[in-house]
Amino acid sequence: MAPISPHSDYRYLGFPRDKIRQRESVQRVEQYKHQFLSWETALTAARRFSNGRECVAGEGSSHILSRQPQVQGAYNLYFWVKVEGEPQEWVVRFPLKGPVTRR
């Protein structure tokens, strides 16, 4: 199968698993997370959607063995946020840039 575009971050979609490409993909996603996805980003997004109300890190999901306020899935990064005046925590979800394969 030919790449979608030689310059796209999604150029390896549809390729069979390849350890080198898989490692490159994981490195690219980790670099993207380090540069752009942080608690500061999540809290800023929550403040914008809550009309500026106070937002702090939440306790996290209870469907996992231990509560975690930040969880990475295969294609998204999730942050649980407490918003002032809201009875339940909000989940702020960011798609991960680039293909992600599980380790």
PDB file of N, CA and C in Angstrom:
ATOM      1  N   MET A   1       0.845  -1.162   0.000  1.00  0.00           N
ATOM      2  CA  MET A   1       0.000   0.000   0.000  1.00  0.00           C
ATOM      3  C   MET A   1       0.901   1.240   0.000  1.00  0.00           C
ATOM      4  N   ALA A   2       0.585   2.204  -0.797  1.00  0.00           N
ATOM      5  CA  ALA A   2       1.381   3.420  -0.898  1.00  0.00           C
ATOM      6  C   ALA A   2       1.045   4.375   0.243  1.00  0.00           C
ATOM      7  N   PRO A   3       2.012   5.178   0.685  1.00  0.00           N
ATOM      8  CA  PRO A   3       1.743   6.150   1.734  1.00  0.00           C
ATOM      9  C   PRO A   3       0.679   7.153   1.279  1.00  0.00           C
ATOM     10  N   ILE A   4      -0.059   7.694   2.233  1.00  0.00           N
ATOM     11  CA  ILE A   4      -1.061   8.715   1.929  1.00  0.00           C
ATOM     12  C   ILE A   4      -0.361   9.922   1.313  1.00  0.00           C
ATOM     13  N   SER A   5       0.678  10.387   1.957  1.00  0.00           N
ATOM     14  CA  SER A   5       1.505  11.489   1.484  1.00  0.00           C
ATOM     15  C   SER A   5       2.866  11.318   2.146  1.00  0.00           C
ATOM     16  N   PRO A   6       3.948  11.522   1.418  1.00  0.00           N
ATOM     17  CA  PRO A   6       5.266  11.324   2.025  1.00  0.00           C
ATOM     18  C   PRO A   6       5.569  12.303   3.153  1.00  0.00           C
ATOM     19  N   HIS A   7       4.796  13.398   3.251  1.00  0.00           N
ATOM     20  CA  HIS A   7       5.059  14.410   4.271  1.00  0.00           C
ATOM     21  C   HIS A   7       4.050  14.375   5.408  1.00  0.00           C
ATOM     22  N   SER A   8       3.062  13.516   5.339  1.00  0.00           N
ATOM     23  CA  SER A   8       2.008  13.446   6.341  1.00  0.00           C
ATOM     24  C   SER A   8       2.472  12.690   7.574  1.00  0.00           C
ATOM     25  N   ASP A   9       1.967  13.108   8.750  1.00  0.00           N
ATOM     26  CA  ASP A   9       2.234  12.361   9.983  1.00  0.00           C
ATOM     27  C   ASP A   9       1.502  11.031   9.962  1.00  0.00           C
ATOM     28  N   TYR A  10       0.567  10.871   9.041  1.00  0.00           N
ATOM     29  CA  TYR A  10      -0.228   9.649   8.946  1.00  0.00           C
ATOM     30  C   TYR A  10       0.252   8.766   7.796  1.00  0.00           C
ATOM     31  N   ARG A  11       1.461   8.975   7.318  1.00  0.00           N
ATOM     32  CA  ARG A  11       1.943   8.298   6.123  1.00  0.00           C
ATOM     33  C   ARG A  11       2.079   6.785   6.269  1.00  0.00           C
ATOM     34  N   TYR A  12       2.127   6.276   7.497  1.00  0.00           N
ATOM     35  CA  TYR A  12       2.309   4.841   7.667  1.00  0.00           C
ATOM     36  C   TYR A  12       1.005   4.103   7.966  1.00  0.00           C
ATOM     37  N   LEU A  13      -0.120   4.799   7.953  1.00  0.00           N
ATOM     38  CA  LEU A  13      -1.393   4.126   8.175  1.00  0.00           C
ATOM     39  C   LEU A  13      -1.602   3.081   7.083  1.00  0.00           C
ATOM     40  N   GLY A  14      -2.008   1.921   7.459  1.00  0.00           N
ATOM     41  CA  GLY A  14      -2.249   0.865   6.484  1.00  0.00           C
ATOM     42  C   GLY A  14      -1.040  -0.009   6.229  1.00  0.00           C
ATOM     43  N   PHE A  15       0.124   0.377   6.717  1.00  0.00           N
ATOM     44  CA  PHE A  15       1.316  -0.438   6.549  1.00  0.00           C
ATOM     45  C   PHE A  15       1.286  -1.578   7.550  1.00  0.00           C
ATOM     46  N   PRO A  16       1.863  -2.707   7.210  1.00  0.00           N
ATOM     47  CA  PRO A  16       1.972  -3.767   8.212  1.00  0.00           C
ATOM     48  C   PRO A  16       2.891  -3.305   9.337  1.00  0.00           C
ATOM     49  N   ARG A  17       2.757  -3.905  10.497  1.00  0.00           N
ATOM     50  CA  ARG A  17       3.603  -3.512  11.629  1.00  0.00           C
ATOM     51  C   ARG A  17       5.068  -3.667  11.288  1.00  0.00           C
ATOM     52  N   ASP A  18       5.796  -2.666  11.613  1.00  0.00           N
ATOM     53  CA  ASP A  18       7.229  -2.626  11.359  1.00  0.00           C
ATOM     54  C   ASP A  18       7.846  -2.004  12.607  1.00  0.00           C
ATOM     55  N   LYS A  19       8.791  -2.685  13.241  1.00  0.00           N
ATOM     56  CA  LYS A  19       9.340  -2.213  14.511  1.00  0.00           C
ATOM     57  C   LYS A  19      10.000  -0.842  14.400  1.00  0.00           C
ATOM     58  N   ILE A  20      10.665  -0.562  13.305  1.00  0.00           N
ATOM     59  CA  ILE A  20      11.312   0.748  13.136  1.00  0.00           C
ATOM     60  C   ILE A  20      10.248   1.834  13.023  1.00  0.00           C
ATOM     61  N   ARG A  21       9.248   1.613  12.188  1.00  0.00           N
ATOM     62  CA  ARG A  21       8.185   2.609  12.032  1.00  0.00           C
ATOM     63  C   ARG A  21       7.384   2.758  13.322  1.00  0.00           C
ATOM     64  N   GLN A  22       7.173   1.656  14.009  1.00  0.00           N
ATOM     65  CA  GLN A  22       6.448   1.709  15.271  1.00  0.00           C
ATOM     66  C   GLN A  22       7.222   2.559  16.278  1.00  0.00           C
ATOM     67  N   ARG A  23       8.518   2.349  16.366  1.00  0.00           N
ATOM     68  CA  ARG A  23       9.359   3.128  17.289  1.00  0.00           C
ATOM     69  C   ARG A  23       9.340   4.612  16.903  1.00  0.00           C
ATOM     70  N   GLU A  24       9.423   4.910  15.598  1.00  0.00           N
ATOM     71  CA  GLU A  24       9.356   6.303  15.135  1.00  0.00           C
ATOM     72  C   GLU A  24       8.020   6.931  15.513  1.00  0.00           C
ATOM     73  N   SER A  25       6.954   6.174  15.359  1.00  0.00           N
ATOM     74  CA  SER A  25       5.624   6.660  15.692  1.00  0.00           C
ATOM     75  C   SER A  25       5.525   6.995  17.175  1.00  0.00           C
ATOM     76  N   VAL A  26       6.006   6.102  18.021  1.00  0.00           N
ATOM     77  CA  VAL A  26       5.962   6.323  19.464  1.00  0.00           C
ATOM     78  C   VAL A  26       6.799   7.547  19.825  1.00  0.00           C
ATOM     79  N   GLN A  27       7.965   7.685  19.238  1.00  0.00           N
ATOM     80  CA  GLN A  27       8.825   8.848  19.514  1.00  0.00           C
ATOM     81  C   GLN A  27       8.150  10.145  19.073  1.00  0.00           C
ATOM     82  N   ARG A  28       7.503  10.123  17.916  1.00  0.00           N
ATOM     83  CA  ARG A  28       6.830  11.313  17.389  1.00  0.00           C
ATOM     84  C   ARG A  28       5.680  11.722  18.312  1.00  0.00           C
ATOM     85  N   VAL A  29       4.908  10.751  18.786  1.00  0.00           N
ATOM     86  CA  VAL A  29       3.794  11.039  19.685  1.00  0.00           C
ATOM     87  C   VAL A  29       4.313  11.571  21.018  1.00  0.00           C
ATOM     88  N   GLU A  30       5.365  10.971  21.563  1.00  0.00           N
ATOM     89  CA  GLU A  30       5.926  11.442  22.833  1.00  0.00           C
ATOM     90  C   GLU A  30       6.448  12.873  22.707  1.00  0.00           C
ATOM     91  N   GLN A  31       7.088  13.185  21.598  1.00  0.00           N
ATOM     92  CA  GLN A  31       7.587  14.539  21.376  1.00  0.00           C
ATOM     93  C   GLN A  31       6.412  15.524  21.294  1.00  0.00           C
ATOM     94  N   TYR A  32       5.361  15.140  20.581  1.00  0.00           N
ATOM     95  CA  TYR A  32       4.174  15.989  20.460  1.00  0.00           C
ATOM     96  C   TYR A  32       3.544  16.233  21.833  1.00  0.00           C
ATOM     97  N   LYS A  33       3.404  15.173  22.626  1.00  0.00           N
ATOM     98  CA  LYS A  33       2.837  15.319  23.967  1.00  0.00           C
ATOM     99  C   LYS A  33       3.694  16.258  24.806  1.00  0.00           C
ATOM    100  N   HIS A  34       5.000  16.069  24.763  1.00  0.00           N
ATOM    101  CA  HIS A  34       5.914  16.880  25.568  1.00  0.00           C
ATOM    102  C   HIS A  34       5.826  18.364  25.182  1.00  0.00           C
ATOM    103  N   GLN A  35       5.708  18.648  23.893  1.00  0.00           N
ATOM    104  CA  GLN A  35       5.709  20.032  23.417  1.00  0.00           C
ATOM    105  C   GLN A  35       4.354  20.726  23.572  1.00  0.00           C
ATOM    106  N   PHE A  36       3.255  19.989  23.411  1.00  0.00           N
ATOM    107  CA  PHE A  36       1.961  20.657  23.287  1.00  0.00           C
ATOM    108  C   PHE A  36       0.887  20.222  24.283  1.00  0.00           C
ATOM    109  N   LEU A  37       0.956  19.012  24.813  1.00  0.00           N
ATOM    110  CA  LEU A  37      -0.132  18.514  25.651  1.00  0.00           C
ATOM    111  C   LEU A  37       0.309  18.398  27.099  1.00  0.00           C
ATOM    112  N   SER A  38      -0.210  19.299  27.923  1.00  0.00           N
ATOM    113  CA  SER A  38       0.158  19.317  29.334  1.00  0.00           C
ATOM    114  C   SER A  38      -1.084  19.678  30.145  1.00  0.00           C
ATOM    115  N   TRP A  39      -0.934  19.649  31.462  1.00  0.00           N
ATOM    116  CA  TRP A  39      -2.028  20.082  32.311  1.00  0.00           C
ATOM    117  C   TRP A  39      -2.375  21.537  32.033  1.00  0.00           C
ATOM    118  N   GLU A  40      -1.380  22.341  31.771  1.00  0.00           N
ATOM    119  CA  GLU A  40      -1.635  23.758  31.466  1.00  0.00           C
ATOM    120  C   GLU A  40      -2.552  23.880  30.247  1.00  0.00           C
ATOM    121  N   THR A  41      -2.291  23.089  29.210  1.00  0.00           N
ATOM    122  CA  THR A  41      -3.112  23.104  28.002  1.00  0.00           C
ATOM    123  C   THR A  41      -4.533  22.645  28.314  1.00  0.00           C
ATOM    124  N   ALA A  42      -4.652  21.571  29.082  1.00  0.00           N
ATOM    125  CA  ALA A  42      -5.974  21.027  29.419  1.00  0.00           C
ATOM    126  C   ALA A  42      -6.782  22.017  30.257  1.00  0.00           C
ATOM    127  N   LEU A  43      -6.142  22.634  31.250  1.00  0.00           N
ATOM    128  CA  LEU A  43      -6.857  23.585  32.105  1.00  0.00           C
ATOM    129  C   LEU A  43      -7.235  24.847  31.344  1.00  0.00           C
ATOM    130  N   THR A  44      -6.392  25.290  30.433  1.00  0.00           N
ATOM    131  CA  THR A  44      -6.723  26.447  29.592  1.00  0.00           C
ATOM    132  C   THR A  44      -7.940  26.142  28.727  1.00  0.00           C
ATOM    133  N   ALA A  45      -7.969  24.959  28.129  1.00  0.00           N
ATOM    134  CA  ALA A  45      -9.118  24.561  27.298  1.00  0.00           C
ATOM    135  C   ALA A  45     -10.388  24.503  28.143  1.00  0.00           C
ATOM    136  N   ALA A  46     -10.300  23.915  29.338  1.00  0.00           N
ATOM    137  CA  ALA A  46     -11.473  23.818  30.211  1.00  0.00           C
ATOM    138  C   ALA A  46     -11.979  25.202  30.606  1.00  0.00           C
ATOM    139  N   ARG A  47     -11.074  26.137  30.915  1.00  0.00           N
ATOM    140  CA  ARG A  47     -11.474  27.502  31.279  1.00  0.00           C
ATOM    141  C   ARG A  47     -12.220  28.176  30.124  1.00  0.00           C
ATOM    142  N   ARG A  48     -11.746  27.947  28.910  1.00  0.00           N
ATOM    143  CA  ARG A  48     -12.406  28.560  27.746  1.00  0.00           C
ATOM    144  C   ARG A  48     -13.818  28.027  27.561  1.00  0.00           C
ATOM    145  N   PHE A  49     -14.015  26.726  27.781  1.00  0.00           N
ATOM    146  CA  PHE A  49     -15.340  26.133  27.594  1.00  0.00           C
ATOM    147  C   PHE A  49     -16.249  26.357  28.801  1.00  0.00           C
ATOM    148  N   SER A  50     -15.688  26.808  29.928  1.00  0.00           N
ATOM    149  CA  SER A  50     -16.495  27.044  31.126  1.00  0.00           C
ATOM    150  C   SER A  50     -16.702  28.533  31.385  1.00  0.00           C
ATOM    151  N   ASN A  51     -16.433  29.347  30.382  1.00  0.00           N
ATOM    152  CA  ASN A  51     -16.571  30.805  30.501  1.00  0.00           C
ATOM    153  C   ASN A  51     -15.699  31.381  31.610  1.00  0.00           C
ATOM    154  N   GLY A  52     -14.484  30.832  31.740  1.00  0.00           N
ATOM    155  CA  GLY A  52     -13.501  31.397  32.654  1.00  0.00           C
ATOM    156  C   GLY A  52     -13.596  30.937  34.094  1.00  0.00           C
ATOM    157  N   ARG A  53     -14.464  29.973  34.396  1.00  0.00           N
ATOM    158  CA  ARG A  53     -14.540  29.485  35.783  1.00  0.00           C
ATOM    159  C   ARG A  53     -13.224  28.815  36.178  1.00  0.00           C
ATOM    160  N   GLU A  54     -12.990  28.744  37.473  1.00  0.00           N
ATOM    161  CA  GLU A  54     -11.769  28.124  37.986  1.00  0.00           C
ATOM    162  C   GLU A  54     -11.753  26.634  37.634  1.00  0.00           C
ATOM    163  N   CYS A  55     -10.621  26.159  37.147  1.00  0.00           N
ATOM    164  CA  CYS A  55     -10.456  24.752  36.766  1.00  0.00           C
ATOM    165  C   CYS A  55      -9.167  24.218  37.382  1.00  0.00           C
ATOM    166  N   VAL A  56      -9.254  23.021  37.952  1.00  0.00           N
ATOM    167  CA  VAL A  56      -8.090  22.369  38.548  1.00  0.00           C
ATOM    168  C   VAL A  56      -8.088  20.904  38.133  1.00  0.00           C
ATOM    169  N   ALA A  57      -6.952  20.253  38.322  1.00  0.00           N
ATOM    170  CA  ALA A  57      -6.846  18.831  37.989  1.00  0.00           C
ATOM    171  C   ALA A  57      -7.862  18.045  38.811  1.00  0.00           C
ATOM    172  N   GLY A  58      -8.513  17.103  38.143  1.00  0.00           N
ATOM    173  CA  GLY A  58      -9.512  16.269  38.804  1.00  0.00           C
ATOM    174  C   GLY A  58      -8.898  15.024  39.410  1.00  0.00           C
ATOM    175  N   GLU A  59      -9.770  14.143  39.873  1.00  0.00           N
ATOM    176  CA  GLU A  59      -9.316  12.896  40.485  1.00  0.00           C
ATOM    177  C   GLU A  59      -9.158  11.779  39.469  1.00  0.00           C
ATOM    178  N   GLY A  60      -9.888  11.843  38.394  1.00  0.00           N
ATOM    179  CA  GLY A  60      -9.727  10.848  37.349  1.00  0.00           C
ATOM    180  C   GLY A  60     -10.852   9.864  37.226  1.00  0.00           C
ATOM    181  N   SER A  61     -10.631   8.930  36.357  1.00  0.00           N
ATOM    182  CA  SER A  61     -11.620   7.916  36.021  1.00  0.00           C
ATOM    183  C   SER A  61     -11.680   6.848  37.096  1.00  0.00           C
ATOM    184  N   SER A  62     -12.881   6.357  37.362  1.00  0.00           N
ATOM    185  CA  SER A  62     -13.028   5.282  38.347  1.00  0.00           C
ATOM    186  C   SER A  62     -13.199   3.927  37.674  1.00  0.00           C
ATOM    187  N   HIS A  63     -13.188   3.872  36.339  1.00  0.00           N
ATOM    188  CA  HIS A  63     -13.349   2.587  35.659  1.00  0.00           C
ATOM    189  C   HIS A  63     -12.021   1.845  35.490  1.00  0.00           C
ATOM    190  N   ILE A  64     -10.935   2.472  35.915  1.00  0.00           N
ATOM    191  CA  ILE A  64      -9.613   1.855  35.871  1.00  0.00           C
ATOM    192  C   ILE A  64      -9.308   1.346  37.287  1.00  0.00           C
ATOM    193  N   LEU A  65      -8.369   0.449  37.429  1.00  0.00           N
ATOM    194  CA  LEU A  65      -8.051  -0.102  38.753  1.00  0.00           C
ATOM    195  C   LEU A  65      -7.721   0.987  39.769  1.00  0.00           C
ATOM    196  N   SER A  66      -6.923   1.955  39.397  1.00  0.00           N
ATOM    197  CA  SER A  66      -6.622   3.071  40.288  1.00  0.00           C
ATOM    198  C   SER A  66      -7.023   4.360  39.587  1.00  0.00           C
ATOM    199  N   ARG A  67      -7.476   5.318  40.366  1.00  0.00           N
ATOM    200  CA  ARG A  67      -7.921   6.588  39.776  1.00  0.00           C
ATOM    201  C   ARG A  67      -6.707   7.332  39.229  1.00  0.00           C
ATOM    202  N   GLN A  68      -6.831   7.781  38.001  1.00  0.00           N
ATOM    203  CA  GLN A  68      -5.757   8.522  37.357  1.00  0.00           C
ATOM    204  C   GLN A  68      -6.351   9.761  36.696  1.00  0.00           C
ATOM    205  N   PRO A  69      -5.830  10.956  37.003  1.00  0.00           N
ATOM    206  CA  PRO A  69      -6.382  12.170  36.417  1.00  0.00           C
ATOM    207  C   PRO A  69      -5.955  12.399  34.965  1.00  0.00           C
ATOM    208  N   GLN A  70      -4.965  11.650  34.504  1.00  0.00           N
ATOM    209  CA  GLN A  70      -4.507  11.756  33.113  1.00  0.00           C
ATOM    210  C   GLN A  70      -4.313  10.340  32.585  1.00  0.00           C
ATOM    211  N   VAL A  71      -4.925  10.052  31.438  1.00  0.00           N
ATOM    212  CA  VAL A  71      -4.848   8.712  30.868  1.00  0.00           C
ATOM    213  C   VAL A  71      -4.600   8.834  29.363  1.00  0.00           C
ATOM    214  N   GLN A  72      -3.723   7.982  28.859  1.00  0.00           N
ATOM    215  CA  GLN A  72      -3.483   7.941  27.421  1.00  0.00           C
ATOM    216  C   GLN A  72      -4.106   6.677  26.852  1.00  0.00           C
ATOM    217  N   GLY A  73      -4.931   6.860  25.841  1.00  0.00           N
ATOM    218  CA  GLY A  73      -5.480   5.735  25.109  1.00  0.00           C
ATOM    219  C   GLY A  73      -4.659   5.509  23.852  1.00  0.00           C
ATOM    220  N   ALA A  74      -5.165   4.726  22.940  1.00  0.00           N
ATOM    221  CA  ALA A  74      -4.441   4.435  21.709  1.00  0.00           C
ATOM    222  C   ALA A  74      -4.358   5.653  20.795  1.00  0.00           C
ATOM    223  N   TYR A  75      -5.384   6.489  20.812  1.00  0.00           N
ATOM    224  CA  TYR A  75      -5.425   7.618  19.888  1.00  0.00           C
ATOM    225  C   TYR A  75      -5.660   8.962  20.555  1.00  0.00           C
ATOM    226  N   ASN A  76      -5.900   8.990  21.854  1.00  0.00           N
ATOM    227  CA  ASN A  76      -6.222  10.232  22.555  1.00  0.00           C
ATOM    228  C   ASN A  76      -5.526  10.290  23.907  1.00  0.00           C
ATOM    229  N   LEU A  77      -5.387  11.523  24.404  1.00  0.00           N
ATOM    230  CA  LEU A  77      -4.876  11.774  25.754  1.00  0.00           C
ATOM    231  C   LEU A  77      -6.006  12.467  26.502  1.00  0.00           C
ATOM    232  N   TYR A  78      -6.356  11.954  27.695  1.00  0.00           N
ATOM    233  CA  TYR A  78      -7.492  12.443  28.463  1.00  0.00           C
ATOM    234  C   TYR A  78      -7.021  13.070  29.770  1.00  0.00           C
ATOM    235  N   PHE A  79      -7.633  14.205  30.117  1.00  0.00           N
ATOM    236  CA  PHE A  79      -7.368  14.882  31.384  1.00  0.00           C
ATOM    237  C   PHE A  79      -8.708  15.070  32.093  1.00  0.00           C
ATOM    238  N   TRP A  80      -8.796  14.642  33.365  1.00  0.00           N
ATOM    239  CA  TRP A  80     -10.000  14.875  34.146  1.00  0.00           C
ATOM    240  C   TRP A  80      -9.829  16.189  34.883  1.00  0.00           C
ATOM    241  N   VAL A  81     -10.834  17.073  34.768  1.00  0.00           N
ATOM    242  CA  VAL A  81     -10.745  18.428  35.292  1.00  0.00           C
ATOM    243  C   VAL A  81     -11.958  18.730  36.169  1.00  0.00           C
ATOM    244  N   LYS A  82     -11.705  19.344  37.339  1.00  0.00           N
ATOM    245  CA  LYS A  82     -12.781  19.846  38.186  1.00  0.00           C
ATOM    246  C   LYS A  82     -13.034  21.292  37.788  1.00  0.00           C
ATOM    247  N   VAL A  83     -14.291  21.590  37.482  1.00  0.00           N
ATOM    248  CA  VAL A  83     -14.683  22.940  37.093  1.00  0.00           C
ATOM    249  C   VAL A  83     -15.550  23.525  38.200  1.00  0.00           C
ATOM    250  N   GLU A  84     -15.216  24.737  38.609  1.00  0.00           N
ATOM    251  CA  GLU A  84     -15.947  25.421  39.680  1.00  0.00           C
ATOM    252  C   GLU A  84     -17.450  25.427  39.377  1.00  0.00           C
ATOM    253  N   GLY A  85     -18.221  24.954  40.364  1.00  0.00           N
ATOM    254  CA  GLY A  85     -19.681  24.973  40.223  1.00  0.00           C
ATOM    255  C   GLY A  85     -20.273  23.770  39.522  1.00  0.00           C
ATOM    256  N   GLU A  86     -19.451  22.853  39.049  1.00  0.00           N
ATOM    257  CA  GLU A  86     -19.939  21.649  38.362  1.00  0.00           C
ATOM    258  C   GLU A  86     -19.859  20.459  39.315  1.00  0.00           C
ATOM    259  N   PRO A  87     -20.930  19.672  39.408  1.00  0.00           N
ATOM    260  CA  PRO A  87     -20.915  18.527  40.331  1.00  0.00           C
ATOM    261  C   PRO A  87     -20.047  17.367  39.841  1.00  0.00           C
ATOM    262  N   GLN A  88     -19.866  17.258  38.546  1.00  0.00           N
ATOM    263  CA  GLN A  88     -19.064  16.162  38.006  1.00  0.00           C
ATOM    264  C   GLN A  88     -17.825  16.713  37.312  1.00  0.00           C
ATOM    265  N   GLU A  89     -16.787  15.876  37.253  1.00  0.00           N
ATOM    266  CA  GLU A  89     -15.564  16.281  36.559  1.00  0.00           C
ATOM    267  C   GLU A  89     -15.790  16.273  35.053  1.00  0.00           C
ATOM    268  N   TRP A  90     -15.067  17.114  34.385  1.00  0.00           N
ATOM    269  CA  TRP A  90     -15.086  17.144  32.927  1.00  0.00           C
ATOM    270  C   TRP A  90     -13.903  16.335  32.422  1.00  0.00           C
ATOM    271  N   VAL A  91     -14.026  15.824  31.204  1.00  0.00           N
ATOM    272  CA  VAL A  91     -12.912  15.151  30.548  1.00  0.00           C
ATOM    273  C   VAL A  91     -12.506  16.011  29.354  1.00  0.00           C
ATOM    274  N   VAL A  92     -11.251  16.403  29.346  1.00  0.00           N
ATOM    275  CA  VAL A  92     -10.697  17.151  28.221  1.00  0.00           C
ATOM    276  C   VAL A  92      -9.886  16.144  27.410  1.00  0.00           C
ATOM    277  N   ARG A  93     -10.254  15.993  26.141  1.00  0.00           N
ATOM    278  CA  ARG A  93      -9.623  14.975  25.288  1.00  0.00           C
ATOM    279  C   ARG A  93      -8.872  15.652  24.151  1.00  0.00           C
ATOM    280  N   PHE A  94      -7.634  15.216  23.966  1.00  0.00           N
ATOM    281  CA  PHE A  94      -6.818  15.692  22.850  1.00  0.00           C
ATOM    282  C   PHE A  94      -6.430  14.497  21.989  1.00  0.00           C
ATOM    283  N   PRO A  95      -6.669  14.569  20.689  1.00  0.00           N
ATOM    284  CA  PRO A  95      -6.176  13.495  19.814  1.00  0.00           C
ATOM    285  C   PRO A  95      -4.655  13.540  19.768  1.00  0.00           C
ATOM    286  N   LEU A  96      -4.045  12.383  19.730  1.00  0.00           N
ATOM    287  CA  LEU A  96      -2.588  12.305  19.608  1.00  0.00           C
ATOM    288  C   LEU A  96      -2.214  12.455  18.135  1.00  0.00           C
ATOM    289  N   LYS A  97      -1.251  13.272  17.860  1.00  0.00           N
ATOM    290  CA  LYS A  97      -0.832  13.524  16.488  1.00  0.00           C
ATOM    291  C   LYS A  97       0.059  12.386  16.013  1.00  0.00           C
ATOM    292  N   GLY A  98      -0.311  11.783  14.918  1.00  0.00           N
ATOM    293  CA  GLY A  98       0.482  10.692  14.345  1.00  0.00           C
ATOM    294  C   GLY A  98      -0.124   9.350  14.699  1.00  0.00           C
ATOM    295  N   PRO A  99       0.215   8.336  13.946  1.00  0.00           N
ATOM    296  CA  PRO A  99      -0.317   7.005  14.243  1.00  0.00           C
ATOM    297  C   PRO A  99       0.278   6.485  15.545  1.00  0.00           C
ATOM    298  N   VAL A 100      -0.517   5.764  16.286  1.00  0.00           N
ATOM    299  CA  VAL A 100      -0.068   5.227  17.558  1.00  0.00           C
ATOM    300  C   VAL A 100      -0.303   3.729  17.545  1.00  0.00           C
ATOM    301  N   THR A 101       0.701   2.987  17.937  1.00  0.00           N
ATOM    302  CA  THR A 101       0.517   1.557  18.093  1.00  0.00           C
ATOM    303  C   THR A 101       0.844   1.206  19.526  1.00  0.00           C
ATOM    304  N   ARG A 102       0.149   0.254  20.062  1.00  0.00           N
ATOM    305  CA  ARG A 102       0.383  -0.132  21.460  1.00  0.00           C
ATOM    306  C   ARG A 102       1.706  -0.879  21.568  1.00  0.00           C
ATOM    307  N   ARG A 103       2.352  -0.668  22.687  1.00  0.00           N
ATOM    308  CA  ARG A 103       3.636  -1.330  22.930  1.00  0.00           C
ATOM    309  C   ARG A 103       3.417  -2.717  23.434  1.00  0.00           C
TER     310      ARG A 103
END
